[in-house]
Amino acid sequence: MALKDRLVTEGMKLAANPNVAKLMQDERFMRLFMTAMSVPGRVSSFTAEQKETFAKAMGLATVEEVRDLKRTVASLERELARLRREG
């Protein structure tokens, strides 16, 4: 059985438990649960922001800036090739 299938099965068992059902009706618990579920995304975005801040402070290019520069260089190379063909 795959991990995802097993998690779904165990989750369904928990949901059928009357104690868990009662807990799920508690607004405070649900707020806590939803906050806990959003933590990985928040950590990821925080880390990305920190990396960008560090790169700027150290005078380094970020991944996005390098990607943009590559696009610009490729565009200029295409334009130069076109001008050479016309001239």
Protein backbone atom coordinates (compact mmCIF):
# COMPACT_ATOMS: atom_id res chain seq x y z
CA MET A 1 0.00 0.00 0.00
CA ALA A 2 1.37 3.40 -0.97
CA LEU A 3 2.10 5.95 1.73
CA LYS A 4 -0.59 8.31 0.44
CA ASP A 5 -3.21 5.53 0.47
CA ARG A 6 -2.21 4.53 3.98
CA LEU A 7 -2.44 8.13 5.21
CA VAL A 8 -5.91 8.48 3.69
CA THR A 9 -7.02 5.20 5.30
CA GLU A 10 -5.68 6.21 8.71
CA GLY A 11 -7.23 9.67 8.34
CA MET A 12 -10.62 8.12 7.63
CA LYS A 13 -10.30 5.92 10.71
CA LEU A 14 -9.49 8.98 12.81
CA ALA A 15 -12.40 10.94 11.37
CA ALA A 16 -14.78 8.11 12.37
CA ASN A 17 -13.59 8.28 15.99
CA PRO A 18 -16.18 10.21 18.09
CA ASN A 19 -13.45 11.90 20.15
CA VAL A 20 -11.76 13.22 17.02
CA ALA A 21 -15.09 14.35 15.57
CA LYS A 22 -15.77 16.31 18.76
CA LEU A 23 -12.31 17.87 18.61
CA MET A 24 -12.84 18.86 14.97
CA GLN A 25 -15.91 20.85 16.03
CA ASP A 26 -13.80 23.00 18.36
CA GLU A 27 -13.04 26.27 16.57
CA ARG A 28 -9.82 26.82 18.53
CA PHE A 29 -8.49 23.41 17.55
CA MET A 30 -9.36 23.97 13.89
CA ARG A 31 -7.58 27.35 13.88
CA LEU A 32 -4.51 25.71 15.43
CA PHE A 33 -4.70 22.84 12.94
CA MET A 34 -4.98 25.18 9.93
CA THR A 35 -2.08 27.28 11.22
CA ALA A 36 0.05 24.17 11.63
CA MET A 37 -0.82 23.04 8.10
CA SER A 38 0.29 26.39 6.64
CA VAL A 39 3.69 26.43 8.38
CA PRO A 40 5.69 24.60 5.63
CA GLY A 41 4.61 27.14 3.01
CA ARG A 42 5.41 30.05 5.30
CA VAL A 43 8.86 28.64 6.09
CA SER A 44 9.54 28.13 2.39
CA SER A 45 8.58 31.70 1.46
CA PHE A 46 10.50 33.08 4.48
CA THR A 47 13.58 31.17 3.39
CA ALA A 48 13.26 32.42 -0.20
CA GLU A 49 12.93 36.00 1.04
CA GLN A 50 15.97 35.59 3.30
CA LYS A 51 18.05 34.18 0.42
CA GLU A 52 17.09 37.12 -1.79
CA THR A 53 17.91 39.63 0.96
CA PHE A 54 21.27 37.95 1.58
CA ALA A 55 22.09 37.89 -2.16
CA LYS A 56 21.32 41.60 -2.48
CA ALA A 57 23.34 42.45 0.63
CA MET A 58 26.33 40.53 -0.76
CA GLY A 59 25.96 42.03 -4.24
CA LEU A 60 25.04 38.66 -5.76
CA ALA A 61 22.47 37.98 -8.46
CA THR A 62 19.38 35.99 -7.54
CA VAL A 63 18.15 33.05 -9.61
CA GLU A 64 15.39 35.22 -11.07
CA GLU A 65 17.85 37.94 -12.04
CA VAL A 66 20.15 35.43 -13.75
CA ARG A 67 17.16 33.95 -15.59
CA ASP A 68 16.12 37.43 -16.77
CA LEU A 69 19.66 38.21 -17.90
CA LYS A 70 19.82 34.96 -19.88
CA ARG A 71 16.57 35.86 -21.63
CA THR A 72 17.89 39.33 -22.44
CA VAL A 73 21.18 37.96 -23.82
CA ALA A 74 19.32 35.39 -25.94
CA SER A 75 17.05 38.12 -27.29
CA LEU A 76 20.02 40.36 -28.12
CA GLU A 77 21.80 37.45 -29.84
CA ARG A 78 18.74 36.79 -31.99
CA GLU A 79 18.52 40.48 -32.88
CA LEU A 80 22.23 40.62 -33.74
CA ALA A 81 21.89 37.55 -35.98
CA ARG A 82 18.91 39.15 -37.73
CA LEU A 83 20.81 42.40 -38.30
CA ARG A 84 23.80 40.48 -39.72
CA ARG A 85 21.55 38.64 -42.16
CA GLU A 86 19.99 41.92 -43.33
CA GLY A 87 23.29 43.80 -43.60
